[in-house]
N, C-alpha and C. Protein backbone atom coordinates (compact mmCIF):
# COMPACT_ATOMS: atom_id res chain seq x y z
N MET A 1 -20.81 13.42 -3.09
CA MET A 1 -21.81 12.36 -3.05
C MET A 1 -22.76 12.46 -4.25
N LYS A 2 -23.20 13.71 -4.60
CA LYS A 2 -24.11 13.88 -5.73
C LYS A 2 -23.48 13.39 -7.02
N LYS A 3 -22.18 13.66 -7.21
CA LYS A 3 -21.50 13.21 -8.42
C LYS A 3 -21.45 11.69 -8.48
N LEU A 4 -21.27 11.04 -7.32
CA LEU A 4 -21.24 9.58 -7.29
C LEU A 4 -22.60 9.02 -7.66
N PHE A 5 -23.71 9.60 -7.14
CA PHE A 5 -25.04 9.12 -7.46
C PHE A 5 -25.28 9.22 -8.97
N LEU A 6 -24.88 10.36 -9.58
CA LEU A 6 -25.07 10.55 -11.01
C LEU A 6 -24.26 9.54 -11.81
N SER A 7 -23.02 9.28 -11.38
CA SER A 7 -22.17 8.31 -12.09
C SER A 7 -22.77 6.92 -12.04
N ILE A 8 -23.30 6.52 -10.86
CA ILE A 8 -23.91 5.21 -10.71
C ILE A 8 -25.10 5.07 -11.67
N THR A 9 -25.93 6.11 -11.74
CA THR A 9 -27.10 6.08 -12.62
C THR A 9 -26.71 5.92 -14.08
N LEU A 10 -25.71 6.68 -14.53
CA LEU A 10 -25.29 6.63 -15.93
C LEU A 10 -24.70 5.27 -16.29
N VAL A 11 -23.91 4.69 -15.37
CA VAL A 11 -23.32 3.38 -15.64
C VAL A 11 -24.39 2.32 -15.82
N CYS A 12 -25.40 2.33 -14.93
CA CYS A 12 -26.45 1.32 -15.02
C CYS A 12 -27.32 1.49 -16.26
N ILE A 13 -27.63 2.74 -16.61
CA ILE A 13 -28.42 2.98 -17.82
C ILE A 13 -27.66 2.50 -19.05
N GLY A 14 -26.35 2.74 -19.07
CA GLY A 14 -25.53 2.29 -20.19
C GLY A 14 -25.50 0.77 -20.29
N ALA A 15 -25.48 0.10 -19.14
CA ALA A 15 -25.44 -1.37 -19.15
C ALA A 15 -26.72 -1.95 -19.71
N ILE A 16 -27.86 -1.33 -19.40
CA ILE A 16 -29.14 -1.86 -19.85
C ILE A 16 -29.26 -1.86 -21.37
N SER A 17 -28.71 -0.87 -22.01
CA SER A 17 -28.86 -0.71 -23.45
C SER A 17 -28.24 -1.86 -24.24
N THR A 18 -27.40 -2.66 -23.60
CA THR A 18 -26.73 -3.74 -24.32
C THR A 18 -27.49 -5.07 -24.23
N PHE A 19 -28.62 -5.10 -23.51
CA PHE A 19 -29.33 -6.34 -23.31
C PHE A 19 -30.72 -6.30 -23.96
N ALA A 20 -31.27 -7.49 -24.14
CA ALA A 20 -32.61 -7.61 -24.69
C ALA A 20 -33.65 -7.49 -23.58
N GLN A 21 -34.87 -8.00 -23.85
CA GLN A 21 -35.95 -7.88 -22.89
C GLN A 21 -35.69 -8.82 -21.70
N LYS A 22 -36.72 -8.89 -20.81
CA LYS A 22 -36.61 -9.64 -19.55
C LYS A 22 -35.55 -9.00 -18.65
N ASN A 23 -35.48 -7.67 -18.67
CA ASN A 23 -34.57 -6.94 -17.81
C ASN A 23 -35.36 -6.23 -16.72
N MET A 24 -34.71 -5.96 -15.58
CA MET A 24 -35.33 -5.20 -14.50
C MET A 24 -34.29 -4.28 -13.89
N LEU A 25 -34.63 -3.00 -13.81
CA LEU A 25 -33.77 -2.00 -13.22
C LEU A 25 -34.42 -1.46 -11.96
N GLY A 26 -33.66 -1.36 -10.87
CA GLY A 26 -34.23 -0.90 -9.62
C GLY A 26 -33.40 0.16 -8.94
N ILE A 27 -34.05 1.02 -8.16
CA ILE A 27 -33.38 1.97 -7.29
C ILE A 27 -33.88 1.72 -5.87
N ASN A 28 -32.95 1.72 -4.92
CA ASN A 28 -33.28 1.29 -3.56
C ASN A 28 -32.72 2.25 -2.52
N ILE A 29 -33.43 2.39 -1.42
CA ILE A 29 -32.89 2.99 -0.21
C ILE A 29 -32.26 1.85 0.59
N LYS A 30 -31.03 2.06 1.06
CA LYS A 30 -30.32 1.00 1.79
C LYS A 30 -29.94 1.49 3.19
N VAL A 31 -30.12 0.61 4.16
CA VAL A 31 -29.68 0.86 5.53
C VAL A 31 -28.83 -0.33 5.96
N TYR A 32 -27.72 -0.06 6.64
CA TYR A 32 -26.77 -1.10 6.99
C TYR A 32 -26.63 -1.22 8.51
N ASP A 33 -26.49 -2.44 8.96
CA ASP A 33 -26.28 -2.72 10.39
C ASP A 33 -24.92 -3.39 10.54
N PRO A 34 -23.87 -2.63 10.93
CA PRO A 34 -22.54 -3.21 11.10
C PRO A 34 -22.55 -4.30 12.18
N VAL A 35 -21.64 -5.27 12.04
CA VAL A 35 -21.58 -6.42 12.94
C VAL A 35 -20.18 -6.56 13.50
N SER A 36 -20.07 -7.04 14.73
CA SER A 36 -18.82 -7.38 15.39
C SER A 36 -17.92 -6.14 15.56
N ASP A 37 -16.62 -6.24 15.25
CA ASP A 37 -15.69 -5.12 15.46
C ASP A 37 -16.06 -3.91 14.62
N PHE A 38 -16.59 -4.14 13.46
CA PHE A 38 -17.04 -3.02 12.62
C PHE A 38 -18.11 -2.22 13.36
N ASP A 39 -19.01 -2.92 14.03
CA ASP A 39 -20.06 -2.26 14.79
C ASP A 39 -19.48 -1.49 15.97
N LYS A 40 -18.49 -2.05 16.66
CA LYS A 40 -17.88 -1.38 17.80
C LYS A 40 -17.20 -0.08 17.39
N ASN A 41 -16.56 -0.07 16.23
CA ASN A 41 -15.80 1.10 15.80
C ASN A 41 -16.68 2.22 15.24
N VAL A 42 -17.85 1.88 14.74
CA VAL A 42 -18.76 2.91 14.21
C VAL A 42 -20.10 2.83 14.95
N SER A 43 -20.03 2.62 16.26
CA SER A 43 -21.20 2.26 17.05
C SER A 43 -22.28 3.33 17.07
N SER A 44 -21.93 4.61 16.90
CA SER A 44 -22.94 5.66 17.00
C SER A 44 -23.55 6.02 15.65
N SER A 45 -23.21 5.29 14.60
CA SER A 45 -23.70 5.64 13.27
C SER A 45 -24.69 4.60 12.74
N VAL A 46 -25.51 5.03 11.81
CA VAL A 46 -26.40 4.13 11.07
C VAL A 46 -26.12 4.38 9.59
N PRO A 47 -25.22 3.59 8.99
CA PRO A 47 -24.90 3.80 7.57
C PRO A 47 -26.16 3.69 6.70
N ALA A 48 -26.31 4.64 5.80
CA ALA A 48 -27.47 4.64 4.92
C ALA A 48 -27.10 5.27 3.59
N GLY A 49 -27.81 4.86 2.54
CA GLY A 49 -27.53 5.40 1.22
C GLY A 49 -28.51 4.88 0.19
N ILE A 50 -28.07 4.84 -1.06
CA ILE A 50 -28.90 4.35 -2.15
C ILE A 50 -28.12 3.34 -2.98
N SER A 51 -28.84 2.58 -3.77
CA SER A 51 -28.19 1.66 -4.70
C SER A 51 -29.04 1.53 -5.96
N LEU A 52 -28.39 1.15 -7.03
CA LEU A 52 -29.05 0.80 -8.27
C LEU A 52 -28.71 -0.64 -8.59
N ASN A 53 -29.72 -1.41 -9.01
CA ASN A 53 -29.45 -2.80 -9.37
C ASN A 53 -30.09 -3.13 -10.71
N TYR A 54 -29.44 -4.03 -11.41
CA TYR A 54 -29.93 -4.51 -12.70
C TYR A 54 -29.95 -6.03 -12.66
N MET A 55 -31.09 -6.61 -13.08
CA MET A 55 -31.22 -8.07 -13.13
C MET A 55 -31.74 -8.48 -14.50
N ARG A 56 -31.20 -9.58 -15.02
CA ARG A 56 -31.64 -10.13 -16.30
C ARG A 56 -32.11 -11.56 -16.08
N THR A 57 -33.30 -11.89 -16.56
CA THR A 57 -33.88 -13.22 -16.38
C THR A 57 -33.98 -13.91 -17.73
N PRO A 58 -33.31 -15.06 -17.90
CA PRO A 58 -33.50 -15.84 -19.13
C PRO A 58 -34.97 -16.24 -19.29
N VAL A 59 -35.41 -16.36 -20.51
CA VAL A 59 -36.81 -16.68 -20.78
C VAL A 59 -37.21 -17.99 -20.11
N GLU A 60 -38.37 -17.97 -19.44
CA GLU A 60 -38.94 -19.15 -18.79
C GLU A 60 -38.01 -19.75 -17.74
N SER A 61 -37.27 -18.93 -17.04
CA SER A 61 -36.37 -19.43 -16.00
C SER A 61 -36.69 -18.76 -14.67
N ARG A 62 -36.41 -19.47 -13.59
CA ARG A 62 -36.54 -18.90 -12.25
C ARG A 62 -35.25 -18.20 -11.81
N TRP A 63 -34.20 -18.34 -12.58
CA TRP A 63 -32.91 -17.75 -12.24
C TRP A 63 -32.77 -16.36 -12.86
N SER A 64 -32.15 -15.44 -12.11
CA SER A 64 -31.83 -14.12 -12.62
C SER A 64 -30.37 -13.81 -12.30
N PHE A 65 -29.75 -12.99 -13.14
CA PHE A 65 -28.34 -12.65 -12.97
C PHE A 65 -28.18 -11.14 -13.17
N GLY A 66 -27.31 -10.55 -12.39
CA GLY A 66 -27.11 -9.12 -12.54
C GLY A 66 -26.13 -8.56 -11.53
N GLY A 67 -26.36 -7.33 -11.13
CA GLY A 67 -25.44 -6.68 -10.20
C GLY A 67 -26.08 -5.50 -9.49
N GLU A 68 -25.38 -5.04 -8.46
CA GLU A 68 -25.85 -3.88 -7.70
C GLU A 68 -24.68 -2.98 -7.40
N LEU A 69 -24.91 -1.67 -7.54
CA LEU A 69 -23.90 -0.66 -7.26
C LEU A 69 -24.51 0.37 -6.33
N GLY A 70 -23.83 0.64 -5.21
CA GLY A 70 -24.42 1.55 -4.24
C GLY A 70 -23.39 2.39 -3.52
N VAL A 71 -23.87 3.40 -2.80
CA VAL A 71 -23.01 4.25 -2.00
C VAL A 71 -23.76 4.60 -0.71
N ALA A 72 -23.04 4.67 0.40
CA ALA A 72 -23.65 4.97 1.69
C ALA A 72 -22.72 5.84 2.51
N MET A 73 -23.30 6.66 3.36
CA MET A 73 -22.52 7.50 4.27
C MET A 73 -22.78 7.05 5.71
N TYR A 74 -21.70 6.93 6.50
CA TYR A 74 -21.89 6.53 7.90
C TYR A 74 -21.40 7.57 8.89
N SER A 75 -20.88 8.69 8.42
CA SER A 75 -20.50 9.77 9.33
C SER A 75 -20.41 11.08 8.56
N SER A 76 -20.93 12.15 9.17
CA SER A 76 -20.76 13.51 8.66
C SER A 76 -20.47 14.39 9.86
N ASN A 77 -19.28 14.99 9.91
CA ASN A 77 -18.83 15.66 11.12
C ASN A 77 -18.08 16.94 10.80
N ASP A 78 -18.34 18.00 11.57
CA ASP A 78 -17.58 19.25 11.49
C ASP A 78 -16.54 19.27 12.61
N TYR A 79 -15.32 19.62 12.29
CA TYR A 79 -14.28 19.71 13.31
C TYR A 79 -13.20 20.69 12.88
N THR A 80 -12.26 20.94 13.81
CA THR A 80 -11.18 21.89 13.58
C THR A 80 -9.94 21.16 13.09
N LEU A 81 -9.34 21.67 12.02
CA LEU A 81 -8.15 21.06 11.44
C LEU A 81 -7.03 22.10 11.40
N GLN A 82 -5.83 21.68 11.77
CA GLN A 82 -4.66 22.55 11.66
C GLN A 82 -4.13 22.49 10.23
N HIS A 83 -4.03 23.68 9.59
CA HIS A 83 -3.59 23.73 8.20
C HIS A 83 -2.75 24.98 7.99
N ASN A 84 -1.49 24.79 7.59
CA ASN A 84 -0.56 25.90 7.36
C ASN A 84 -0.49 26.86 8.55
N GLY A 85 -0.47 26.28 9.75
CA GLY A 85 -0.36 27.08 10.96
C GLY A 85 -1.64 27.72 11.43
N ASN A 86 -2.75 27.46 10.74
CA ASN A 86 -4.04 28.03 11.13
C ASN A 86 -5.04 26.93 11.48
N ASN A 87 -6.00 27.26 12.32
CA ASN A 87 -7.11 26.36 12.62
C ASN A 87 -8.28 26.71 11.72
N ILE A 88 -8.76 25.75 10.96
CA ILE A 88 -9.90 25.98 10.08
C ILE A 88 -10.97 24.94 10.37
N GLU A 89 -12.22 25.34 10.12
CA GLU A 89 -13.35 24.43 10.30
C GLU A 89 -13.61 23.69 9.00
N VAL A 90 -13.71 22.37 9.10
CA VAL A 90 -13.97 21.55 7.92
C VAL A 90 -15.12 20.59 8.21
N ASN A 91 -15.73 20.12 7.14
CA ASN A 91 -16.73 19.05 7.23
C ASN A 91 -16.18 17.81 6.55
N GLU A 92 -16.32 16.68 7.22
CA GLU A 92 -15.86 15.41 6.65
C GLU A 92 -17.01 14.44 6.55
N GLU A 93 -17.13 13.80 5.41
CA GLU A 93 -18.08 12.71 5.20
C GLU A 93 -17.31 11.42 5.02
N ASP A 94 -17.61 10.43 5.86
CA ASP A 94 -17.00 9.10 5.76
C ASP A 94 -18.02 8.17 5.14
N CYS A 95 -17.63 7.50 4.07
CA CYS A 95 -18.60 6.76 3.25
C CYS A 95 -17.99 5.45 2.77
N PHE A 96 -18.82 4.65 2.12
CA PHE A 96 -18.32 3.49 1.38
C PHE A 96 -19.21 3.26 0.17
N TRP A 97 -18.60 2.71 -0.87
CA TRP A 97 -19.41 2.26 -1.99
C TRP A 97 -19.27 0.75 -2.12
N THR A 98 -20.31 0.14 -2.68
CA THR A 98 -20.36 -1.31 -2.83
C THR A 98 -20.65 -1.68 -4.27
N VAL A 99 -20.07 -2.77 -4.71
CA VAL A 99 -20.40 -3.33 -6.02
C VAL A 99 -20.47 -4.85 -5.86
N HIS A 100 -21.58 -5.43 -6.30
CA HIS A 100 -21.81 -6.86 -6.13
C HIS A 100 -22.37 -7.49 -7.40
N GLY A 101 -21.89 -8.66 -7.71
CA GLY A 101 -22.57 -9.51 -8.67
C GLY A 101 -23.63 -10.30 -7.91
N VAL A 102 -24.80 -10.50 -8.53
CA VAL A 102 -25.95 -11.09 -7.84
C VAL A 102 -26.51 -12.25 -8.66
N VAL A 103 -26.80 -13.35 -7.97
CA VAL A 103 -27.53 -14.49 -8.55
C VAL A 103 -28.80 -14.67 -7.72
N ARG A 104 -29.93 -14.70 -8.39
CA ARG A 104 -31.22 -14.75 -7.69
C ARG A 104 -32.05 -15.93 -8.20
N TYR A 105 -32.79 -16.55 -7.28
CA TYR A 105 -33.68 -17.65 -7.63
C TYR A 105 -35.07 -17.37 -7.08
N ASP A 106 -36.08 -17.44 -7.95
CA ASP A 106 -37.47 -17.22 -7.53
C ASP A 106 -37.99 -18.48 -6.84
N VAL A 107 -38.20 -18.40 -5.54
CA VAL A 107 -38.69 -19.55 -4.78
C VAL A 107 -40.17 -19.76 -5.01
N TYR A 108 -40.92 -18.67 -5.00
CA TYR A 108 -42.38 -18.75 -5.22
C TYR A 108 -42.79 -17.52 -6.00
N ARG A 109 -43.66 -17.71 -7.00
CA ARG A 109 -44.08 -16.55 -7.76
C ARG A 109 -45.47 -16.73 -8.34
N THR A 110 -46.18 -15.64 -8.38
CA THR A 110 -47.46 -15.54 -9.08
C THR A 110 -47.32 -14.37 -10.06
N GLU A 111 -48.42 -13.97 -10.66
CA GLU A 111 -48.35 -12.87 -11.61
C GLU A 111 -47.96 -11.56 -10.94
N ARG A 112 -48.31 -11.40 -9.65
CA ARG A 112 -48.08 -10.12 -8.98
C ARG A 112 -47.15 -10.22 -7.76
N PHE A 113 -46.72 -11.40 -7.40
CA PHE A 113 -45.96 -11.56 -6.16
C PHE A 113 -44.85 -12.59 -6.36
N VAL A 114 -43.63 -12.24 -5.91
CA VAL A 114 -42.47 -13.13 -6.02
C VAL A 114 -41.69 -13.11 -4.71
N THR A 115 -41.33 -14.28 -4.22
CA THR A 115 -40.34 -14.36 -3.14
C THR A 115 -39.09 -15.00 -3.73
N TYR A 116 -37.92 -14.47 -3.33
CA TYR A 116 -36.69 -14.95 -3.94
C TYR A 116 -35.58 -15.09 -2.90
N ALA A 117 -34.63 -15.96 -3.23
CA ALA A 117 -33.38 -16.09 -2.47
C ALA A 117 -32.25 -15.65 -3.38
N GLU A 118 -31.19 -15.09 -2.79
CA GLU A 118 -30.09 -14.62 -3.63
C GLU A 118 -28.76 -14.75 -2.92
N GLY A 119 -27.72 -14.86 -3.74
CA GLY A 119 -26.35 -14.82 -3.26
C GLY A 119 -25.61 -13.72 -4.00
N ARG A 120 -24.61 -13.14 -3.33
CA ARG A 120 -23.87 -12.04 -3.95
C ARG A 120 -22.41 -12.09 -3.56
N MET A 121 -21.59 -11.49 -4.41
CA MET A 121 -20.15 -11.45 -4.17
C MET A 121 -19.62 -10.14 -4.74
N GLY A 122 -18.73 -9.49 -3.98
CA GLY A 122 -18.21 -8.22 -4.49
C GLY A 122 -17.27 -7.53 -3.53
N MET A 123 -17.28 -6.19 -3.58
CA MET A 123 -16.33 -5.38 -2.82
C MET A 123 -17.05 -4.25 -2.10
N THR A 124 -16.48 -3.86 -0.95
CA THR A 124 -16.87 -2.64 -0.25
C THR A 124 -15.62 -1.77 -0.13
N THR A 125 -15.68 -0.54 -0.62
CA THR A 125 -14.52 0.37 -0.60
C THR A 125 -14.86 1.60 0.23
N PHE A 126 -13.98 1.94 1.18
CA PHE A 126 -14.20 3.05 2.10
C PHE A 126 -13.45 4.29 1.63
N PHE A 127 -14.10 5.46 1.77
CA PHE A 127 -13.47 6.71 1.35
C PHE A 127 -14.01 7.85 2.20
N SER A 128 -13.28 8.97 2.18
CA SER A 128 -13.68 10.18 2.90
C SER A 128 -13.52 11.39 1.98
N SER A 129 -14.41 12.36 2.16
CA SER A 129 -14.27 13.65 1.48
C SER A 129 -14.31 14.75 2.54
N THR A 130 -13.39 15.71 2.44
CA THR A 130 -13.26 16.78 3.42
C THR A 130 -13.34 18.13 2.72
N THR A 131 -14.21 19.01 3.23
CA THR A 131 -14.47 20.30 2.61
C THR A 131 -14.37 21.41 3.65
N ALA A 132 -13.69 22.49 3.31
CA ALA A 132 -13.57 23.64 4.23
C ALA A 132 -14.91 24.35 4.34
N LEU A 133 -15.25 24.76 5.57
CA LEU A 133 -16.49 25.49 5.81
C LEU A 133 -16.29 27.00 5.72
N GLU A 134 -15.05 27.43 5.56
CA GLU A 134 -14.74 28.86 5.47
C GLU A 134 -14.41 29.21 4.02
N ASP A 135 -15.12 30.18 3.46
CA ASP A 135 -14.94 30.53 2.05
C ASP A 135 -13.56 31.09 1.74
N ASN A 136 -12.96 31.76 2.71
CA ASN A 136 -11.66 32.40 2.46
C ASN A 136 -10.49 31.51 2.86
N SER A 137 -10.73 30.24 3.08
CA SER A 137 -9.66 29.33 3.47
C SER A 137 -8.84 28.91 2.25
N ASP A 138 -7.54 28.66 2.47
CA ASP A 138 -6.70 28.17 1.39
C ASP A 138 -6.63 26.65 1.39
N PHE A 139 -7.51 26.01 2.14
CA PHE A 139 -7.56 24.55 2.21
C PHE A 139 -8.19 23.98 0.94
N ASP A 140 -7.48 23.06 0.30
CA ASP A 140 -8.01 22.38 -0.87
C ASP A 140 -8.82 21.17 -0.43
N ASP A 141 -10.03 21.07 -0.94
CA ASP A 141 -10.88 19.93 -0.59
C ASP A 141 -10.15 18.62 -0.88
N GLU A 142 -10.34 17.65 0.01
CA GLU A 142 -9.64 16.37 -0.12
C GLU A 142 -10.61 15.23 -0.29
N PHE A 143 -10.19 14.26 -1.09
CA PHE A 143 -10.94 13.02 -1.30
C PHE A 143 -9.94 11.89 -1.22
N SER A 144 -10.14 10.96 -0.29
CA SER A 144 -9.15 9.91 -0.09
C SER A 144 -9.82 8.56 0.10
N PHE A 145 -9.23 7.52 -0.51
CA PHE A 145 -9.66 6.15 -0.30
C PHE A 145 -8.86 5.55 0.85
N HIS A 146 -9.49 4.68 1.62
CA HIS A 146 -8.83 4.07 2.78
C HIS A 146 -8.52 2.59 2.56
N GLY A 147 -9.51 1.82 2.20
CA GLY A 147 -9.29 0.39 2.02
C GLY A 147 -10.50 -0.27 1.39
N SER A 148 -10.30 -1.49 0.91
CA SER A 148 -11.38 -2.26 0.29
C SER A 148 -11.48 -3.63 0.93
N ALA A 149 -12.69 -4.12 1.03
CA ALA A 149 -12.95 -5.44 1.61
C ALA A 149 -13.66 -6.31 0.58
N PHE A 150 -13.24 -7.54 0.48
CA PHE A 150 -13.96 -8.53 -0.32
C PHE A 150 -15.09 -9.07 0.54
N ASN A 151 -16.29 -9.17 -0.01
CA ASN A 151 -17.37 -9.74 0.80
C ASN A 151 -18.32 -10.59 -0.02
N THR A 152 -18.98 -11.48 0.68
CA THR A 152 -20.01 -12.34 0.10
C THR A 152 -21.28 -12.18 0.94
N GLY A 153 -22.42 -12.44 0.33
CA GLY A 153 -23.67 -12.27 1.05
C GLY A 153 -24.72 -13.28 0.63
N LEU A 154 -25.61 -13.58 1.57
CA LEU A 154 -26.77 -14.43 1.31
C LEU A 154 -28.00 -13.72 1.87
N GLY A 155 -29.11 -13.90 1.20
CA GLY A 155 -30.33 -13.27 1.70
C GLY A 155 -31.51 -13.56 0.80
N GLY A 156 -32.49 -12.69 0.86
CA GLY A 156 -33.69 -12.88 0.07
C GLY A 156 -34.56 -11.66 0.13
N GLY A 157 -35.73 -11.78 -0.51
CA GLY A 157 -36.64 -10.64 -0.52
C GLY A 157 -37.93 -10.97 -1.22
N VAL A 158 -38.72 -9.92 -1.41
CA VAL A 158 -40.01 -10.07 -2.07
C VAL A 158 -40.17 -8.98 -3.12
N LEU A 159 -40.87 -9.31 -4.19
CA LEU A 159 -41.28 -8.37 -5.22
C LEU A 159 -42.80 -8.36 -5.28
N TYR A 160 -43.38 -7.15 -5.28
CA TYR A 160 -44.83 -7.04 -5.39
C TYR A 160 -45.16 -6.05 -6.50
N GLN A 161 -46.00 -6.48 -7.44
CA GLN A 161 -46.32 -5.64 -8.59
C GLN A 161 -47.29 -4.53 -8.18
N LEU A 162 -46.84 -3.29 -8.33
CA LEU A 162 -47.67 -2.13 -8.01
C LEU A 162 -48.60 -1.77 -9.15
N GLY A 163 -48.18 -2.12 -10.35
CA GLY A 163 -48.99 -1.82 -11.53
C GLY A 163 -48.13 -1.78 -12.77
N GLY A 164 -48.61 -2.38 -13.85
CA GLY A 164 -47.85 -2.40 -15.09
C GLY A 164 -46.52 -3.10 -14.89
N SER A 165 -45.43 -2.40 -15.22
CA SER A 165 -44.09 -2.98 -15.08
C SER A 165 -43.36 -2.50 -13.84
N VAL A 166 -44.09 -1.88 -12.90
CA VAL A 166 -43.48 -1.33 -11.68
C VAL A 166 -43.68 -2.27 -10.51
N TRP A 167 -42.58 -2.60 -9.83
CA TRP A 167 -42.61 -3.55 -8.72
C TRP A 167 -41.99 -2.92 -7.47
N LEU A 168 -42.59 -3.22 -6.32
CA LEU A 168 -41.98 -2.88 -5.04
C LEU A 168 -41.01 -4.00 -4.67
N ASN A 169 -39.79 -3.64 -4.24
CA ASN A 169 -38.76 -4.62 -3.92
C ASN A 169 -38.26 -4.39 -2.49
N ALA A 170 -38.34 -5.40 -1.65
CA ALA A 170 -37.85 -5.31 -0.27
C ALA A 170 -37.03 -6.56 0.02
N GLY A 171 -35.90 -6.38 0.72
CA GLY A 171 -35.06 -7.54 0.99
C GLY A 171 -34.01 -7.27 2.04
N VAL A 172 -33.30 -8.33 2.40
CA VAL A 172 -32.23 -8.24 3.38
C VAL A 172 -31.13 -9.23 3.00
N ASN A 173 -29.88 -8.84 3.23
CA ASN A 173 -28.73 -9.71 2.97
C ASN A 173 -27.74 -9.63 4.12
N VAL A 174 -27.19 -10.76 4.49
CA VAL A 174 -26.14 -10.84 5.51
C VAL A 174 -24.81 -10.96 4.78
N HIS A 175 -23.89 -10.02 5.03
CA HIS A 175 -22.61 -9.97 4.33
C HIS A 175 -21.45 -10.30 5.27
N SER A 176 -20.54 -11.10 4.76
CA SER A 176 -19.29 -11.39 5.45
C SER A 176 -18.18 -10.65 4.73
N GLY A 177 -17.49 -9.73 5.44
CA GLY A 177 -16.48 -8.89 4.81
C GLY A 177 -15.10 -9.12 5.38
N SER A 178 -14.09 -9.07 4.51
CA SER A 178 -12.71 -9.24 4.95
C SER A 178 -12.23 -7.98 5.68
N ARG A 179 -10.99 -7.99 6.19
CA ARG A 179 -10.44 -6.85 6.90
C ARG A 179 -10.16 -5.69 5.93
N ALA A 180 -10.42 -4.48 6.42
CA ALA A 180 -10.18 -3.30 5.59
C ALA A 180 -9.89 -2.10 6.49
N ASP A 181 -9.15 -1.14 5.94
CA ASP A 181 -8.92 0.14 6.62
C ASP A 181 -10.10 1.07 6.34
N TYR A 182 -10.50 1.83 7.35
CA TYR A 182 -11.54 2.83 7.17
C TYR A 182 -11.37 3.92 8.22
N ARG A 183 -12.04 5.04 8.00
CA ARG A 183 -11.93 6.19 8.91
C ARG A 183 -13.30 6.51 9.48
N TYR A 184 -13.32 6.89 10.75
CA TYR A 184 -14.58 7.26 11.39
C TYR A 184 -14.30 8.25 12.50
N MET A 185 -14.89 9.44 12.41
CA MET A 185 -14.73 10.47 13.43
C MET A 185 -16.07 10.72 14.11
N PRO A 186 -16.27 10.21 15.33
CA PRO A 186 -17.53 10.47 16.04
C PRO A 186 -17.75 11.96 16.23
N GLU A 187 -19.01 12.37 16.29
CA GLU A 187 -19.33 13.79 16.37
C GLU A 187 -18.80 14.43 17.65
N SER A 188 -18.54 13.63 18.69
CA SER A 188 -18.06 14.19 19.95
C SER A 188 -16.57 14.50 19.92
N ASP A 189 -15.85 14.01 18.89
CA ASP A 189 -14.41 14.22 18.81
C ASP A 189 -14.07 15.48 18.01
N GLN A 190 -12.98 16.13 18.39
CA GLN A 190 -12.46 17.28 17.65
C GLN A 190 -11.07 16.91 17.14
N SER A 191 -10.97 16.57 15.87
CA SER A 191 -9.72 16.12 15.31
C SER A 191 -8.88 17.30 14.83
N THR A 192 -7.60 17.19 15.01
CA THR A 192 -6.68 18.19 14.45
C THR A 192 -5.69 17.55 13.50
N SER A 193 -5.94 16.31 13.07
CA SER A 193 -5.02 15.61 12.20
C SER A 193 -5.76 14.55 11.41
N PHE A 194 -5.33 14.35 10.15
CA PHE A 194 -5.91 13.28 9.35
C PHE A 194 -5.41 11.90 9.81
N ASP A 195 -4.47 11.88 10.76
CA ASP A 195 -3.99 10.61 11.28
C ASP A 195 -4.94 10.03 12.31
N ASP A 196 -5.89 10.82 12.80
CA ASP A 196 -6.83 10.34 13.81
C ASP A 196 -7.97 9.57 13.16
N GLY A 197 -8.63 8.76 13.98
CA GLY A 197 -9.87 8.12 13.56
C GLY A 197 -9.75 7.02 12.55
N HIS A 198 -8.58 6.37 12.46
CA HIS A 198 -8.40 5.26 11.51
C HIS A 198 -8.55 3.92 12.23
N TYR A 199 -9.24 2.99 11.57
CA TYR A 199 -9.48 1.67 12.12
C TYR A 199 -9.20 0.61 11.05
N LYS A 200 -9.00 -0.62 11.51
CA LYS A 200 -8.89 -1.76 10.61
C LYS A 200 -9.54 -2.95 11.29
N SER A 201 -10.49 -3.58 10.61
CA SER A 201 -11.19 -4.73 11.19
C SER A 201 -11.90 -5.49 10.08
N LEU A 202 -12.49 -6.62 10.47
CA LEU A 202 -13.42 -7.29 9.58
C LEU A 202 -14.62 -6.37 9.37
N THR A 203 -15.27 -6.49 8.23
CA THR A 203 -16.32 -5.54 7.86
C THR A 203 -17.64 -6.26 7.57
N HIS A 204 -18.08 -7.07 8.52
CA HIS A 204 -19.37 -7.75 8.36
C HIS A 204 -20.52 -6.76 8.56
N TYR A 205 -21.59 -6.94 7.81
CA TYR A 205 -22.77 -6.10 8.01
C TYR A 205 -24.01 -6.77 7.43
N VAL A 206 -25.16 -6.32 7.90
CA VAL A 206 -26.45 -6.74 7.36
C VAL A 206 -27.01 -5.56 6.58
N GLY A 207 -27.44 -5.80 5.35
CA GLY A 207 -27.97 -4.74 4.51
C GLY A 207 -29.46 -4.90 4.28
N TYR A 208 -30.22 -3.84 4.53
CA TYR A 208 -31.67 -3.83 4.31
C TYR A 208 -31.98 -2.89 3.14
N ARG A 209 -32.90 -3.26 2.31
CA ARG A 209 -33.24 -2.41 1.15
C ARG A 209 -34.74 -2.34 0.95
N LEU A 210 -35.17 -1.21 0.44
CA LEU A 210 -36.55 -0.99 0.04
C LEU A 210 -36.50 -0.10 -1.19
N GLY A 211 -37.12 -0.57 -2.26
CA GLY A 211 -37.01 0.20 -3.48
C GLY A 211 -38.08 -0.14 -4.50
N VAL A 212 -37.90 0.41 -5.68
CA VAL A 212 -38.81 0.21 -6.79
C VAL A 212 -38.02 -0.34 -7.97
N SER A 213 -38.55 -1.37 -8.60
CA SER A 213 -37.93 -1.96 -9.79
C SER A 213 -38.88 -1.84 -10.97
N ILE A 214 -38.29 -1.62 -12.14
CA ILE A 214 -39.09 -1.45 -13.35
C ILE A 214 -38.68 -2.48 -14.39
N GLY A 215 -39.64 -3.25 -14.89
CA GLY A 215 -39.36 -4.20 -15.95
C GLY A 215 -39.19 -3.50 -17.27
N LEU A 216 -38.18 -3.93 -18.05
CA LEU A 216 -37.86 -3.27 -19.32
C LEU A 216 -37.93 -4.27 -20.48
């Protein structure tokens, strides 16, 4: 997870260097509320993570264009796995990353306060990482992708200037996601196979964010 956070940061910083002024870079805490069958399959979890977003506003325009890249974890579980005839203890993190293109329109704005509406389109990709908890184990750590969902979202938010070029950013988006494969092992289960805990469903969710954006 730490390597993913670092990669996201470097990608966004690199993207900013290619643009002129009227740019805004933000980092956000994200919490997700799964909907429908997705909610039933991961009912005991509260997916949460971080995201980085970049927005560019043409001069004297209410429209902004950019993107958001994020990662979230919805399960972290220790369980027993059969490996080469032995039982070993492993930790598994079930996660997803998101990438969205974003179009934003400022509905109302003053020098220090902005309310906006936005639409987004992109992908949600599910993955798991599994690590042995025993130092003397011959188990090789595993990283596997499960499936990707195409999704679209509508929502809005507010920007409030904290001082200088620093803004508080809060918002919510409702996402409609296509069907995708994903893995989820509730903490009450003891898995002995990577074949357990697999689901496939629509992947609708509501995303909440709170973060800080900096004008560049």
